[in-house]
Amino acid sequence: MNKKLFVGNLPFQTTEQELEEAFSRSGKVISVALPTDRETGRKRGFGFVEMQSEEEADAAIRDFNGQTLGGRRIVVNISRGKSEPALS
């Protein structure tokens, strides 16, 4: 089952290809999305990476959470759906 990861604190110049190449070291990447601001078209500094399996998603979290990418320390965790409440 595919698992979607939230990747936060990304440098604004990060590309989908760069993110896919990095995360592919942890397993099979199904998709990458970098949302942009509707008004300016600029990237918003976060993205989503969908991994092929839960095991590969867990490996990506271990491999990348707290690591530096493009000079910024990134945050990687399991993505919550829009309707899911934030954990306290």
N, C-alpha and C. Protein backbone atom coordinates (compact mmCIF):
# COMPACT_ATOMS: atom_id res chain seq x y z
N MET A 1 0.83 -1.18 0.00
CA MET A 1 0.00 0.00 0.00
C MET A 1 0.88 1.25 0.00
N ASN A 2 0.58 2.20 -0.85
CA ASN A 2 1.36 3.42 -0.95
C ASN A 2 1.19 4.27 0.31
N LYS A 3 2.25 4.98 0.68
CA LYS A 3 2.22 5.86 1.84
C LYS A 3 2.71 7.23 1.44
N LYS A 4 1.93 8.26 1.76
CA LYS A 4 2.30 9.63 1.42
C LYS A 4 3.00 10.27 2.60
N LEU A 5 4.13 10.93 2.30
CA LEU A 5 4.92 11.62 3.30
C LEU A 5 4.79 13.13 3.11
N PHE A 6 4.76 13.85 4.21
CA PHE A 6 4.85 15.30 4.20
C PHE A 6 6.32 15.65 4.38
N VAL A 7 6.83 16.55 3.55
CA VAL A 7 8.22 17.01 3.66
C VAL A 7 8.17 18.52 3.84
N GLY A 8 8.57 18.98 5.01
CA GLY A 8 8.48 20.40 5.33
C GLY A 8 9.83 21.07 5.42
N ASN A 9 9.79 22.40 5.39
CA ASN A 9 10.95 23.28 5.48
C ASN A 9 11.90 23.11 4.28
N LEU A 10 11.32 22.86 3.12
CA LEU A 10 12.12 22.72 1.90
C LEU A 10 12.60 24.08 1.40
N PRO A 11 13.80 24.12 0.83
CA PRO A 11 14.22 25.35 0.16
C PRO A 11 13.25 25.63 -1.00
N PHE A 12 12.94 26.90 -1.24
CA PHE A 12 11.96 27.25 -2.26
C PHE A 12 12.40 26.85 -3.66
N GLN A 13 13.71 26.68 -3.89
CA GLN A 13 14.19 26.32 -5.21
C GLN A 13 14.22 24.81 -5.46
N THR A 14 13.82 24.01 -4.49
CA THR A 14 13.80 22.55 -4.65
C THR A 14 12.86 22.16 -5.79
N THR A 15 13.33 21.22 -6.63
CA THR A 15 12.49 20.74 -7.73
C THR A 15 11.93 19.36 -7.39
N GLU A 16 10.87 18.99 -8.10
CA GLU A 16 10.29 17.67 -7.92
C GLU A 16 11.31 16.59 -8.24
N GLN A 17 12.11 16.81 -9.28
CA GLN A 17 13.13 15.83 -9.67
C GLN A 17 14.17 15.65 -8.57
N GLU A 18 14.62 16.73 -7.95
CA GLU A 18 15.59 16.63 -6.86
C GLU A 18 15.03 15.84 -5.69
N LEU A 19 13.79 16.11 -5.35
CA LEU A 19 13.16 15.40 -4.24
C LEU A 19 12.99 13.92 -4.57
N GLU A 20 12.58 13.62 -5.79
CA GLU A 20 12.43 12.22 -6.20
C GLU A 20 13.77 11.49 -6.18
N GLU A 21 14.82 12.12 -6.67
CA GLU A 21 16.14 11.49 -6.66
C GLU A 21 16.61 11.22 -5.24
N ALA A 22 16.42 12.17 -4.35
CA ALA A 22 16.84 11.99 -2.96
C ALA A 22 16.08 10.85 -2.30
N PHE A 23 14.75 10.88 -2.37
CA PHE A 23 13.93 9.90 -1.67
C PHE A 23 14.00 8.51 -2.31
N SER A 24 14.40 8.43 -3.55
CA SER A 24 14.52 7.11 -4.19
C SER A 24 15.63 6.28 -3.55
N ARG A 25 16.51 6.90 -2.78
CA ARG A 25 17.53 6.15 -2.04
C ARG A 25 16.91 5.30 -0.94
N SER A 26 15.68 5.66 -0.53
CA SER A 26 15.00 4.92 0.53
C SER A 26 13.99 3.92 0.00
N GLY A 27 13.70 3.96 -1.30
CA GLY A 27 12.72 3.05 -1.88
C GLY A 27 12.10 3.63 -3.14
N LYS A 28 11.07 2.97 -3.62
CA LYS A 28 10.39 3.37 -4.86
C LYS A 28 9.48 4.56 -4.61
N VAL A 29 9.75 5.65 -5.33
CA VAL A 29 8.92 6.85 -5.24
C VAL A 29 7.83 6.76 -6.29
N ILE A 30 6.57 6.87 -5.86
CA ILE A 30 5.42 6.81 -6.76
C ILE A 30 5.11 8.19 -7.34
N SER A 31 5.14 9.22 -6.49
CA SER A 31 4.85 10.58 -6.96
C SER A 31 5.48 11.61 -6.03
N VAL A 32 5.67 12.81 -6.58
CA VAL A 32 6.17 13.94 -5.82
C VAL A 32 5.32 15.15 -6.18
N ALA A 33 4.92 15.93 -5.19
CA ALA A 33 4.15 17.15 -5.44
C ALA A 33 4.71 18.28 -4.59
N LEU A 34 4.92 19.43 -5.23
CA LEU A 34 5.38 20.63 -4.54
C LEU A 34 4.34 21.73 -4.77
N PRO A 35 3.44 21.92 -3.81
CA PRO A 35 2.38 22.92 -3.98
C PRO A 35 2.95 24.33 -4.17
N THR A 36 2.22 25.14 -4.94
CA THR A 36 2.61 26.53 -5.16
C THR A 36 1.51 27.45 -4.66
N ASP A 37 1.90 28.67 -4.34
CA ASP A 37 0.95 29.69 -3.91
C ASP A 37 0.07 30.09 -5.10
N ARG A 38 -1.23 30.17 -4.89
CA ARG A 38 -2.16 30.50 -5.98
C ARG A 38 -1.93 31.89 -6.55
N GLU A 39 -1.58 32.83 -5.70
CA GLU A 39 -1.44 34.22 -6.15
C GLU A 39 -0.09 34.49 -6.79
N THR A 40 0.99 33.98 -6.19
CA THR A 40 2.33 34.30 -6.69
C THR A 40 2.93 33.22 -7.58
N GLY A 41 2.44 31.99 -7.45
CA GLY A 41 3.01 30.88 -8.22
C GLY A 41 4.30 30.34 -7.62
N ARG A 42 4.75 30.92 -6.50
CA ARG A 42 5.97 30.45 -5.83
C ARG A 42 5.70 29.18 -5.05
N LYS A 43 6.72 28.34 -4.97
CA LYS A 43 6.61 27.13 -4.15
C LYS A 43 6.42 27.55 -2.70
N ARG A 44 5.73 26.70 -1.95
CA ARG A 44 5.34 27.05 -0.58
C ARG A 44 6.29 26.54 0.50
N GLY A 45 7.35 25.82 0.11
CA GLY A 45 8.32 25.37 1.10
C GLY A 45 8.02 24.02 1.72
N PHE A 46 7.05 23.31 1.15
CA PHE A 46 6.78 21.95 1.60
C PHE A 46 6.33 21.14 0.41
N GLY A 47 6.29 19.83 0.60
CA GLY A 47 5.86 18.96 -0.49
C GLY A 47 5.39 17.62 0.04
N PHE A 48 5.01 16.77 -0.90
CA PHE A 48 4.54 15.43 -0.58
C PHE A 48 5.26 14.43 -1.46
N VAL A 49 5.72 13.36 -0.84
CA VAL A 49 6.36 12.27 -1.56
C VAL A 49 5.59 11.00 -1.24
N GLU A 50 5.14 10.32 -2.27
CA GLU A 50 4.41 9.07 -2.08
C GLU A 50 5.36 7.91 -2.35
N MET A 51 5.52 7.07 -1.35
CA MET A 51 6.39 5.90 -1.44
C MET A 51 5.55 4.66 -1.73
N GLN A 52 6.18 3.64 -2.29
CA GLN A 52 5.45 2.44 -2.70
C GLN A 52 4.91 1.64 -1.53
N SER A 53 5.64 1.59 -0.43
CA SER A 53 5.19 0.77 0.70
C SER A 53 5.40 1.49 2.03
N GLU A 54 4.74 0.98 3.04
CA GLU A 54 4.89 1.55 4.38
C GLU A 54 6.34 1.39 4.87
N GLU A 55 6.96 0.27 4.54
CA GLU A 55 8.35 0.04 4.96
C GLU A 55 9.28 1.07 4.32
N GLU A 56 9.06 1.38 3.03
CA GLU A 56 9.90 2.36 2.36
C GLU A 56 9.63 3.77 2.89
N ALA A 57 8.39 4.05 3.24
CA ALA A 57 8.05 5.34 3.85
C ALA A 57 8.75 5.48 5.21
N ASP A 58 8.72 4.42 6.00
CA ASP A 58 9.41 4.45 7.30
C ASP A 58 10.91 4.65 7.11
N ALA A 59 11.48 4.00 6.10
CA ALA A 59 12.91 4.15 5.81
C ALA A 59 13.22 5.60 5.42
N ALA A 60 12.35 6.21 4.61
CA ALA A 60 12.56 7.60 4.19
C ALA A 60 12.50 8.54 5.39
N ILE A 61 11.58 8.29 6.31
CA ILE A 61 11.49 9.12 7.51
C ILE A 61 12.79 9.00 8.31
N ARG A 62 13.25 7.77 8.51
CA ARG A 62 14.51 7.55 9.24
C ARG A 62 15.68 8.22 8.53
N ASP A 63 15.72 8.10 7.19
CA ASP A 63 16.85 8.60 6.42
C ASP A 63 16.88 10.13 6.30
N PHE A 64 15.71 10.78 6.24
CA PHE A 64 15.67 12.20 5.90
C PHE A 64 15.16 13.14 6.96
N ASN A 65 14.35 12.69 7.91
CA ASN A 65 13.83 13.61 8.93
C ASN A 65 15.00 14.21 9.72
N GLY A 66 15.06 15.55 9.75
CA GLY A 66 16.13 16.24 10.47
C GLY A 66 17.41 16.43 9.68
N GLN A 67 17.44 15.91 8.46
CA GLN A 67 18.63 16.06 7.62
C GLN A 67 18.59 17.40 6.89
N THR A 68 19.74 17.82 6.38
CA THR A 68 19.83 19.09 5.66
C THR A 68 19.69 18.85 4.17
N LEU A 69 18.84 19.64 3.54
CA LEU A 69 18.65 19.59 2.09
C LEU A 69 18.68 21.03 1.60
N GLY A 70 19.63 21.34 0.74
CA GLY A 70 19.73 22.71 0.21
C GLY A 70 19.97 23.74 1.29
N GLY A 71 20.67 23.36 2.36
CA GLY A 71 20.99 24.29 3.43
C GLY A 71 19.91 24.43 4.50
N ARG A 72 18.82 23.67 4.37
CA ARG A 72 17.73 23.75 5.36
C ARG A 72 17.48 22.38 5.97
N ARG A 73 17.22 22.38 7.27
CA ARG A 73 16.90 21.13 7.97
C ARG A 73 15.44 20.79 7.69
N ILE A 74 15.21 19.65 7.02
CA ILE A 74 13.85 19.29 6.62
C ILE A 74 13.16 18.41 7.67
N VAL A 75 11.84 18.41 7.59
CA VAL A 75 10.99 17.60 8.46
C VAL A 75 10.26 16.62 7.56
N VAL A 76 10.29 15.34 7.92
CA VAL A 76 9.61 14.31 7.13
C VAL A 76 8.78 13.46 8.07
N ASN A 77 7.48 13.35 7.76
CA ASN A 77 6.60 12.48 8.53
C ASN A 77 5.45 12.02 7.66
N ILE A 78 4.65 11.11 8.20
CA ILE A 78 3.49 10.60 7.47
C ILE A 78 2.51 11.75 7.27
N SER A 79 2.02 11.90 6.06
CA SER A 79 1.07 12.96 5.74
C SER A 79 -0.30 12.61 6.33
N ARG A 80 -0.91 13.61 6.96
CA ARG A 80 -2.28 13.45 7.45
C ARG A 80 -3.21 14.00 6.39
N GLY A 81 -4.35 13.39 6.24
CA GLY A 81 -5.36 13.91 5.32
C GLY A 81 -5.89 15.23 5.83
N LYS A 82 -6.52 16.01 4.97
CA LYS A 82 -7.05 17.32 5.37
C LYS A 82 -8.05 17.22 6.50
N SER A 83 -8.78 16.09 6.56
CA SER A 83 -9.81 15.97 7.59
C SER A 83 -9.28 15.39 8.91
N GLU A 84 -8.04 14.93 8.92
CA GLU A 84 -7.49 14.35 10.14
C GLU A 84 -7.00 15.46 11.08
N PRO A 85 -7.29 15.36 12.35
CA PRO A 85 -6.85 16.39 13.28
C PRO A 85 -5.34 16.32 13.52
N ALA A 86 -4.76 17.44 13.84
CA ALA A 86 -3.33 17.51 14.17
C ALA A 86 -3.10 16.80 15.50
N LEU A 87 -1.95 16.16 15.62
CA LEU A 87 -1.61 15.49 16.88
C LEU A 87 -1.00 16.50 17.82
N SER A 88 -1.39 16.44 19.08
CA SER A 88 -0.87 17.39 20.07
C SER A 88 0.45 16.94 20.60
